[in-house]
Protein backbone atom coordinates (compact mmCIF):
# COMPACT_ATOMS: atom_id res chain seq x y z
CA MET A 1 106.49 131.71 74.80
CA THR A 2 104.41 133.29 77.56
CA GLN A 3 106.00 134.09 80.94
CA GLY A 4 104.70 135.30 84.26
CA PHE A 5 101.68 133.15 85.00
CA THR A 6 99.66 134.25 88.02
CA SER A 7 98.32 131.72 90.50
CA LYS A 8 94.78 133.15 90.40
CA GLU A 9 94.30 132.40 86.72
CA PHE A 10 93.45 129.08 85.10
CA HIS A 11 95.90 128.70 82.19
CA ILE A 12 94.63 126.91 79.09
CA LEU A 13 96.56 126.14 75.91
CA ILE A 14 94.38 125.49 72.85
CA VAL A 15 96.06 123.63 69.95
CA GLU A 16 93.80 124.04 66.90
CA ASP A 17 94.59 125.04 63.30
CA ASN A 18 91.01 125.56 62.04
CA PRO A 19 90.07 129.25 62.59
CA THR A 20 86.34 128.54 62.82
CA ASP A 21 86.73 125.71 65.36
CA LEU A 22 89.29 127.76 67.27
CA LYS A 23 86.97 130.77 67.53
CA LEU A 24 84.09 128.58 68.76
CA LEU A 25 86.26 126.74 71.30
CA GLU A 26 87.90 129.94 72.56
CA GLY A 27 84.48 131.54 72.96
CA LEU A 28 83.13 128.65 75.03
CA VAL A 29 86.20 128.52 77.25
CA SER A 30 86.20 132.29 77.84
CA LYS A 31 82.66 132.03 79.27
CA LEU A 32 83.70 129.80 82.17
CA THR A 33 82.34 131.37 85.34
CA LEU A 34 83.88 129.04 87.90
CA TYR A 35 87.42 130.07 86.99
CA ARG A 36 89.16 133.00 85.35
CA PRO A 37 90.66 131.43 82.20
CA HIS A 38 93.89 132.69 80.68
CA ILE A 39 93.78 131.36 77.11
CA GLU A 40 96.62 130.89 74.63
CA CYS A 41 96.15 129.49 71.13
CA VAL A 42 98.57 127.81 68.72
CA GLY A 43 98.03 125.96 65.46
CA SER A 44 100.63 123.19 65.51
CA VAL A 45 102.21 120.54 67.72
CA ARG A 46 105.60 122.22 67.41
CA GLU A 47 104.25 125.54 68.71
CA ALA A 48 102.50 123.72 71.55
CA PHE A 49 105.73 122.11 72.74
CA ASN A 50 107.46 125.50 72.60
CA CYS A 51 104.73 127.00 74.80
CA ILE A 52 104.80 124.11 77.29
CA GLU A 53 108.55 124.49 77.84
CA GLY A 54 108.97 126.52 81.01
CA ASN A 55 105.23 126.97 81.66
CA ASP A 56 102.92 125.02 83.95
CA TYR A 57 99.58 125.00 82.12
CA ASP A 58 96.50 123.79 83.93
CA LEU A 59 94.89 122.28 80.82
CA LEU A 60 95.62 121.44 77.19
CA LEU A 61 92.78 121.36 74.61
CA LEU A 62 94.25 119.39 71.71
CA ASP A 63 93.07 118.69 68.16
CA LEU A 64 95.02 115.61 66.99
CA ASN A 65 94.10 116.27 63.33
CA LEU A 66 96.96 118.75 62.75
CA PRO A 67 99.46 118.79 59.84
CA ASP A 68 102.37 117.86 62.13
CA SER A 69 100.40 115.45 64.38
CA GLN A 70 100.81 111.67 64.46
CA GLY A 71 97.56 110.99 66.24
CA LEU A 72 97.85 108.94 69.41
CA LYS A 73 101.67 108.94 69.10
CA THR A 74 101.54 112.71 69.51
CA LEU A 75 99.32 112.29 72.57
CA GLY A 76 101.94 109.93 74.02
CA LYS A 77 104.68 112.54 73.44
CA PHE A 78 102.64 115.16 75.28
CA ARG A 79 102.12 112.74 78.17
CA ASN A 80 105.88 112.16 78.37
CA VAL A 81 106.80 115.86 78.16
CA CYS A 82 104.06 117.17 80.48
CA PRO A 83 102.66 114.24 82.52
CA TYR A 84 100.92 116.54 85.01
CA ILE A 85 98.98 118.64 82.47
CA PRO A 86 95.48 117.22 81.80
CA ILE A 87 94.68 116.88 78.07
CA ILE A 88 91.20 117.04 76.53
CA ILE A 89 91.06 115.79 72.92
CA ILE A 90 88.84 117.80 70.55
CA SER A 91 88.09 115.58 67.53
CA SER A 92 86.48 116.42 64.21
CA GLN A 93 84.64 113.09 64.02
CA TYR A 94 83.05 110.58 66.37
CA ASN A 95 85.13 107.43 66.70
CA HIS A 96 84.25 105.36 69.75
CA GLU A 97 87.32 103.13 69.49
CA MET A 98 89.70 106.06 69.05
CA GLY A 99 88.04 107.83 71.98
CA MET A 100 88.65 104.82 74.21
CA ASP A 101 92.26 104.55 72.96
CA ALA A 102 92.85 108.26 73.61
CA ILE A 103 91.59 107.99 77.19
CA ALA A 104 93.54 104.77 77.72
CA ASN A 105 96.68 106.61 76.56
CA GLY A 106 96.30 109.44 79.04
CA ALA A 107 93.65 111.86 77.69
CA GLN A 108 91.29 113.36 80.28
CA ASP A 109 88.34 113.36 77.85
CA TYR A 110 87.42 112.97 74.17
CA LEU A 111 84.97 115.53 72.77
CA VAL A 112 83.58 115.63 69.23
CA LYS A 113 83.31 118.94 67.37
CA GLY A 114 79.72 119.97 66.78
CA GLU A 115 78.39 117.60 69.46
CA TYR A 116 79.70 119.10 72.69
CA ASN A 117 78.22 122.18 74.29
CA ALA A 118 79.33 124.69 76.91
CA LYS A 119 77.97 122.53 79.74
CA MET A 120 79.80 119.40 78.58
CA LEU A 121 83.04 121.33 78.06
CA SER A 122 82.71 123.04 81.44
CA LYS A 123 82.16 119.69 83.17
CA SER A 124 85.15 118.14 81.41
CA ILE A 125 87.36 121.10 82.34
CA TYR A 126 86.16 120.90 85.96
CA PHE A 127 87.30 117.28 86.23
CA ALA A 128 90.63 118.28 84.66
CA ILE A 129 91.11 121.01 87.28
CA GLU A 130 90.36 118.60 90.13
CA ARG A 131 92.78 116.06 88.67
CA LYS A 132 95.52 118.72 88.51
CA LYS A 133 94.90 119.60 92.16
CA VAL A 134 95.23 115.95 93.21
CA GLU A 135 98.43 115.47 91.22
CA LYS A 136 99.96 118.64 92.71
CA SER A 137 99.12 117.36 96.20
CA LEU A 138 100.76 114.02 95.40
CA LYS A 139 103.83 115.83 94.09
CA ILE A 140 104.14 117.70 97.38
CA ALA A 141 103.69 114.43 99.28
CA ALA A 142 106.45 112.81 97.21
CA LYS A 143 108.76 115.72 98.04
CA ASP A 144 108.00 115.26 101.74
CA LEU A 145 108.82 111.58 101.44
CA ALA A 146 112.17 112.45 99.84
CA THR A 147 112.94 114.65 102.86
CA ALA A 148 111.99 111.77 105.17
CA GLU A 149 114.38 109.50 103.27
CA ILE A 150 117.28 111.91 103.85
CA TYR A 151 116.47 112.00 107.55
CA LEU A 152 116.35 108.19 107.66
CA ARG A 153 119.76 108.03 105.98
CA GLN A 154 121.28 110.33 108.60
CA LYS A 155 119.86 108.29 111.47
CA LEU A 156 120.89 104.89 110.18
CA GLY A 157 124.40 105.17 111.66
CA GLU A 158 122.91 105.70 115.12
CA LEU A 159 120.52 102.77 114.73
CA GLU A 160 123.43 100.38 114.05
CA LYS A 161 124.53 100.82 117.69
CA LEU A 162 121.18 99.53 118.93
CA ASN A 163 121.66 95.81 118.31
CA GLN A 164 118.85 94.80 120.67
CA ASP A 165 116.36 96.69 118.46
CA LEU A 166 117.79 95.51 115.14
CA GLN A 167 114.80 93.44 114.02
CA SER A 168 112.23 96.20 114.64
CA THR A 169 114.55 98.74 112.99
CA GLN A 170 114.82 96.59 109.88
CA GLU A 171 111.02 96.29 109.76
CA GLN A 172 110.65 100.08 109.86
CA LEU A 173 113.27 100.52 107.19
CA VAL A 174 111.56 98.08 104.80
CA GLN A 175 108.19 99.77 105.29
CA SER A 176 109.67 103.25 104.87
CA GLU A 177 111.33 102.32 101.58
CA LYS A 178 108.09 100.70 100.45
CA MET A 179 106.12 103.88 101.17
CA ALA A 180 108.79 105.98 99.48
CA GLY A 181 108.40 103.81 96.40
CA LEU A 182 104.64 104.26 96.56
CA GLY A 183 105.17 108.01 96.83
CA GLN A 184 107.20 107.99 93.62
CA LEU A 185 104.54 105.89 91.90
CA ALA A 186 101.57 107.80 93.30
CA ALA A 187 101.04 110.14 90.32
CA GLY A 188 101.20 107.17 87.95
CA VAL A 189 98.68 105.22 90.02
CA VAL A 190 96.30 108.21 89.96
CA HIS A 191 96.77 108.32 86.19
CA GLU A 192 95.94 104.61 85.91
CA ILE A 193 92.77 105.18 87.93
CA ASN A 194 91.83 108.25 85.89
CA ASN A 195 91.96 106.29 82.64
CA PRO A 196 89.03 103.93 83.43
CA MET A 197 87.26 106.69 85.34
CA GLY A 198 87.47 108.83 82.20
CA TYR A 199 85.62 106.39 80.01
CA ILE A 200 83.23 105.50 82.83
CA MET A 201 82.20 109.18 82.92
CA THR A 202 81.99 109.30 79.11
CA ASN A 203 79.80 106.18 79.05
CA LEU A 204 77.55 107.54 81.79
CA ASN A 205 77.08 110.77 79.83
CA THR A 206 76.15 108.75 76.74
CA LEU A 207 73.78 106.54 78.76
CA ASN A 208 72.13 109.68 80.14
CA GLU A 209 71.48 110.87 76.58
CA TYR A 210 70.12 107.44 75.61
CA ILE A 211 67.78 107.43 78.61
CA SER A 212 66.48 110.86 77.63
CA THR A 213 65.77 109.60 74.11
CA LEU A 214 64.07 106.43 75.35
CA ASN A 215 61.95 108.46 77.77
CA GLY A 216 60.77 110.50 74.79
CA ILE A 217 59.71 107.32 73.00
CA LEU A 218 57.92 106.03 76.11
CA SER A 219 56.05 109.34 76.39
CA GLN A 220 54.77 108.86 72.83
CA TYR A 221 53.63 105.33 73.69
CA ASP A 222 51.73 106.73 76.69
CA SER A 223 49.97 109.15 74.33
CA LEU A 224 49.15 106.27 71.95
CA SER A 225 47.70 104.23 74.80
CA HIS A 226 45.57 107.16 75.90
CA VAL A 227 44.02 107.91 72.48
CA MET A 228 43.42 104.23 71.71
CA LYS A 229 41.58 103.75 75.01
CA ASN A 230 39.34 106.69 74.01
CA GLY A 231 38.65 105.08 70.62
CA GLU A 232 40.40 107.85 68.70
CA VAL A 233 41.72 105.55 65.96
CA GLU A 234 42.72 108.26 63.47
CA GLN A 235 44.62 110.20 66.11
CA GLY A 236 46.19 106.92 67.26
CA GLN A 237 47.44 106.29 63.70
CA GLU A 238 48.95 109.77 63.73
CA VAL A 239 50.75 109.17 67.05
CA LEU A 240 51.97 105.77 65.82
CA SER A 241 53.38 107.46 62.72
CA GLN A 242 55.21 109.93 64.94
CA ILE A 243 56.63 107.04 67.00
CA ASP A 244 57.91 105.27 63.87
CA LYS A 245 59.51 108.48 62.68
CA LEU A 246 61.15 109.07 66.05
CA VAL A 247 62.41 105.46 66.24
CA ASN A 248 64.09 105.86 62.84
CA GLU A 249 65.48 109.33 63.50
CA LYS A 250 66.94 108.46 66.90
CA LYS A 251 68.23 105.06 65.73
CA ILE A 252 66.63 103.24 68.63
CA ASP A 253 67.89 99.83 67.46
CA PHE A 254 71.46 101.11 67.68
CA ILE A 255 70.85 102.68 71.10
CA VAL A 256 69.41 99.45 72.54
CA ASN A 257 72.38 97.42 71.29
CA ASP A 258 74.92 100.05 72.36
CA ILE A 259 73.57 100.22 75.93
CA ASP A 260 74.76 96.65 76.59
CA ASP A 261 78.26 97.52 75.32
CA LEU A 262 78.40 100.72 77.37
CA LEU A 263 77.34 98.92 80.54
CA LYS A 264 79.89 96.17 79.92
CA GLU A 265 82.69 98.72 79.39
CA THR A 266 81.63 100.69 82.46
CA LYS A 267 81.61 97.54 84.59
CA GLU A 268 85.07 96.61 83.29
CA GLY A 269 86.34 100.11 84.06
CA ALA A 270 84.95 99.98 87.61
CA LYS A 271 86.56 96.56 88.11
CA ARG A 272 89.87 97.93 86.86
CA VAL A 273 89.74 100.78 89.39
CA LYS A 274 88.81 98.30 92.14
CA ASP A 275 91.72 96.00 91.19
CA ILE A 276 94.27 98.84 91.16
CA VAL A 277 93.14 100.14 94.55
CA LEU A 278 93.15 96.61 96.02
CA GLU A 279 96.66 95.86 94.72
CA LEU A 280 97.90 99.20 96.03
CA LYS A 281 96.35 98.49 99.43
CA ASN A 282 97.85 94.98 99.54
CA PHE A 283 101.28 96.30 98.63
CA ALA A 284 101.17 99.12 101.22
CA CYS A 285 100.09 96.85 104.09
CA MET A 286 102.69 95.37 106.38
CA ASP A 287 102.99 91.59 106.38
CA LYS A 288 101.40 89.59 109.16
CA HIS A 289 103.70 87.79 111.58
CA GLU A 290 102.96 84.30 110.27
CA LEU A 291 104.25 82.81 107.04
CA VAL A 292 101.70 82.31 104.26
CA PRO A 293 101.68 80.52 100.87
CA ILE A 294 102.82 82.80 98.02
CA ASP A 295 101.80 82.41 94.38
CA ILE A 296 104.81 83.96 92.64
CA ASN A 297 103.02 84.49 89.31
CA GLN A 298 100.10 86.23 91.01
CA THR A 299 102.46 88.40 93.08
CA LEU A 300 104.23 89.48 89.90
CA GLU A 301 100.89 90.31 88.23
CA SER A 302 99.84 92.38 91.26
CA THR A 303 103.15 94.25 91.25
CA LEU A 304 102.85 95.01 87.53
CA LYS A 305 99.44 96.61 88.13
CA VAL A 306 100.99 98.97 90.68
CA VAL A 307 103.99 99.96 88.50
CA TRP A 308 102.31 99.76 85.08
CA ASN A 309 102.16 103.52 84.47
CA GLU A 310 105.84 103.76 85.39
CA ILE A 311 106.94 101.28 82.72
CA LYS A 312 104.39 101.26 79.89
CA TYR A 313 105.82 104.34 78.15
CA LYS A 314 109.42 103.12 78.51
CA CYS A 315 109.35 99.52 77.42
CA LYS A 316 107.52 96.57 75.94
CA LEU A 317 106.82 93.93 78.57
CA HIS A 318 107.44 90.26 77.73
CA LYS A 319 106.01 87.74 80.22
CA ALA A 320 106.70 84.02 80.31
CA PHE A 321 105.00 82.75 83.45
CA ASN A 322 105.17 78.97 83.78
CA ASP A 323 103.39 76.81 86.34
CA VAL A 324 105.48 76.98 89.51
CA PRO A 325 104.79 75.66 93.03
CA THR A 326 103.86 77.99 95.86
CA ILE A 327 106.46 78.99 98.42
CA HIS A 328 105.98 80.16 102.01
CA GLY A 329 107.00 83.61 103.15
CA TYR A 330 105.92 87.25 103.36
CA PRO A 331 104.05 88.27 100.16
CA SER A 332 104.29 92.04 100.65
CA ARG A 333 108.08 91.80 101.00
CA ILE A 334 108.40 89.59 97.93
CA GLY A 335 106.23 92.09 96.06
CA GLN A 336 108.60 94.85 97.13
CA VAL A 337 111.52 92.88 95.67
CA PHE A 338 109.75 92.64 92.31
CA LEU A 339 108.68 96.30 92.38
CA ASN A 340 112.21 97.62 93.00
CA ILE A 341 113.80 95.48 90.31
CA ILE A 342 111.10 96.14 87.68
CA VAL A 343 111.14 99.92 88.27
CA ASN A 344 114.96 99.91 88.13
CA ALA A 345 114.77 97.97 84.85
CA ALA A 346 112.45 100.58 83.31
CA GLN A 347 114.61 103.46 84.57
CA ALA A 348 117.71 101.86 83.05
CA ILE A 349 116.12 102.18 79.57
CA GLU A 350 116.92 105.62 78.19
CA ASP A 351 114.47 105.79 75.26
CA TYR A 352 112.31 102.72 74.63
CA GLY A 353 113.25 99.08 75.10
CA ASP A 354 112.22 95.71 76.45
CA VAL A 355 111.71 94.12 79.85
CA PHE A 356 111.50 90.33 80.10
CA ILE A 357 110.04 88.50 83.13
CA GLU A 358 110.13 84.71 83.31
CA THR A 359 109.23 82.21 86.02
CA THR A 360 110.44 78.59 86.09
CA ALA A 361 111.07 75.97 88.74
CA THR A 362 113.45 73.17 89.62
CA GLU A 363 112.88 70.45 92.21
CA SER A 364 114.21 72.76 94.92
CA ASP A 365 113.61 76.37 93.82
CA VAL A 366 111.26 78.77 92.10
CA ILE A 367 113.32 80.93 89.72
CA ILE A 368 112.34 84.47 88.70
CA THR A 369 114.35 86.13 85.94
CA ILE A 370 113.93 89.86 85.21
CA SER A 371 115.92 91.30 82.31
CA ASP A 372 116.04 94.69 80.59
CA SER A 373 117.60 96.10 77.43
CA GLY A 374 118.87 99.19 79.25
CA LYS A 375 122.26 100.82 79.53
CA GLY A 376 123.71 98.11 81.79
CA ILE A 377 125.91 98.31 84.89
CA PRO A 378 129.70 98.68 84.72
CA GLN A 379 131.60 95.70 86.12
CA THR A 380 133.25 97.95 88.73
CA HIS A 381 129.79 98.71 90.19
CA LEU A 382 128.33 95.20 90.15
CA LYS A 383 130.02 94.14 93.38
CA ASN A 384 128.54 97.15 95.23
CA ILE A 385 124.93 97.24 94.01
CA PHE A 386 123.60 95.47 97.13
CA THR A 387 125.64 97.69 99.49
CA PRO A 388 123.48 100.09 101.54
CA PHE A 389 123.47 103.67 100.21
CA PHE A 390 125.40 102.76 97.07
CA THR A 391 123.71 104.35 94.07
CA THR A 392 124.67 105.53 90.59
CA LYS A 393 121.64 107.83 90.38
CA THR A 394 121.92 111.59 90.72
CA PRO A 395 121.42 113.00 94.24
CA GLY A 396 117.73 113.15 95.16
CA ASP A 397 116.71 110.42 92.71
CA GLY A 398 117.37 107.53 95.08
CA THR A 399 118.54 106.60 98.55
CA GLY A 400 120.68 103.62 97.60
CA LEU A 401 118.61 101.41 99.91
CA GLY A 402 116.34 99.71 97.34
CA LEU A 403 118.61 96.85 96.21
CA SER A 404 120.10 96.47 99.69
CA ILE A 405 116.59 95.82 101.05
CA VAL A 406 115.91 93.49 98.11
CA HIS A 407 119.02 91.48 99.03
CA ASN A 408 118.02 91.31 102.70
CA ILE A 409 114.47 90.16 101.87
CA ILE A 410 115.78 87.37 99.61
CA GLN A 411 118.21 86.28 102.34
CA GLU A 412 115.38 86.37 104.87
CA HIS A 413 113.52 83.90 102.62
CA GLN A 414 116.74 81.78 102.45
CA GLY A 415 116.98 82.46 98.74
CA GLU A 416 119.63 83.76 96.41
CA ILE A 417 119.82 86.74 94.04
CA ARG A 418 122.32 87.06 91.20
CA VAL A 419 122.94 89.85 88.72
CA GLU A 420 124.46 89.76 85.24
CA SER A 421 125.06 92.90 83.23
CA GLU A 422 126.88 94.25 80.21
CA VAL A 423 127.19 97.96 79.45
CA GLY A 424 125.05 98.89 76.46
CA LYS A 425 123.18 95.57 76.40
CA GLY A 426 121.21 95.43 79.64
CA THR A 427 120.94 93.75 83.03
CA THR A 428 119.46 90.49 84.30
CA PHE A 429 118.45 89.71 87.88
CA ILE A 430 118.00 86.02 88.75
CA ILE A 431 116.13 85.24 91.98
CA LEU A 432 116.00 81.74 93.47
CA LEU A 433 113.46 81.11 96.25
CA PRO A 434 113.47 77.68 97.95
CA ILE A 435 110.28 75.65 97.79
CA ASN A 436 111.19 73.92 101.06
CA PRO A 437 113.68 76.10 103.00
CA PRO A 438 116.49 74.09 104.70
CA LYS A 439 115.69 75.70 108.07
CA PRO A 440 112.62 77.36 109.59
CA MET A 441 112.18 81.00 108.65
CA LYS A 442 112.16 83.58 111.43
CA ALA A 443 108.79 85.12 112.20
CA HIS A 444 108.47 88.89 112.67
CA LEU A 445 108.06 90.05 116.21
């Protein structure tokens, strides 16, 4: 295992067991002029994990076709062990579906041996470097938010004496906890955005190649038009023969059909990025003063988009959303309730498990049930979980304010929250929100 990285070098780990492919890849990487690469090479997944332990690599070039590799499962293990290290897959064969799956599962790019060149590799590595910079910045921001949380905790005792400012203080506290949660989720949100952006860039590169090919065909047709206008029939036949040959060699029929698919995928990827950014913006915004109708199912879907990267590697999500009536309240606050409980559910699962979310309704209430198959909560702790600053997490991993704020938001909406748990079997939160509250809700000042 290598020690003593220097900050001026760009550290790359190449995982490749084929000597010929390794020599070619190492040669291309060593020629990077924008950065000074420090290259290490191993030939197995086991050796790669040994190298990663204790070292902060800037990039991992990974061949999934290794004797001890399990394909995309291995990629998932790397993402869990080193979530901040960008990974570029180097594949021995072109497989469009596998390439999309690899990028969807956290790969920065998917390059095919024999088809990529130094320029393509350099461009892919450049995007990986920029991604690492962004994630490091977000990590620093999350650390700053943790410091802000500690300061908030110290000042809370003083704020309790200021009864006349209680409502505004509560508003600040809710927003601060919301932003702290966003800080913890920031790297995952960037990852979720990078996934569609990755295959958007791949598709655009492919479209660029297709356009170059089609331009070549059009150039030949221009030549054909020219010679035919001049009455040069024999030469025209020769050009037409060249066009037919080029159409067959370049598989123009396939290109024309594939362009529609690439554009459709690119549009879907752009929409996915737009949706994630919109949901993140909606969640971060403070609620307006007036009450508004809330679609509980839609609010849950929006919350899941924000936290998806936090939970998708820990659990299988089971949704049972039934038709339920709208309620009136503050949607951003209700979204914060769902976010805290869903993230807690995923964190309670030690390896891999299940999270169940169900919505139902009675004549008086909309009922949201969120269950997990995690480690559960001891009975001695259940009575304290909504108490401010009570937490069973290790110091630095939580403020103990999350569930307290959840409880206050539910009370603000004149609802009820219950919790059932059994150690070793999991926890269930049951939220009841009134369809027609018995008394008018207080508006924010």
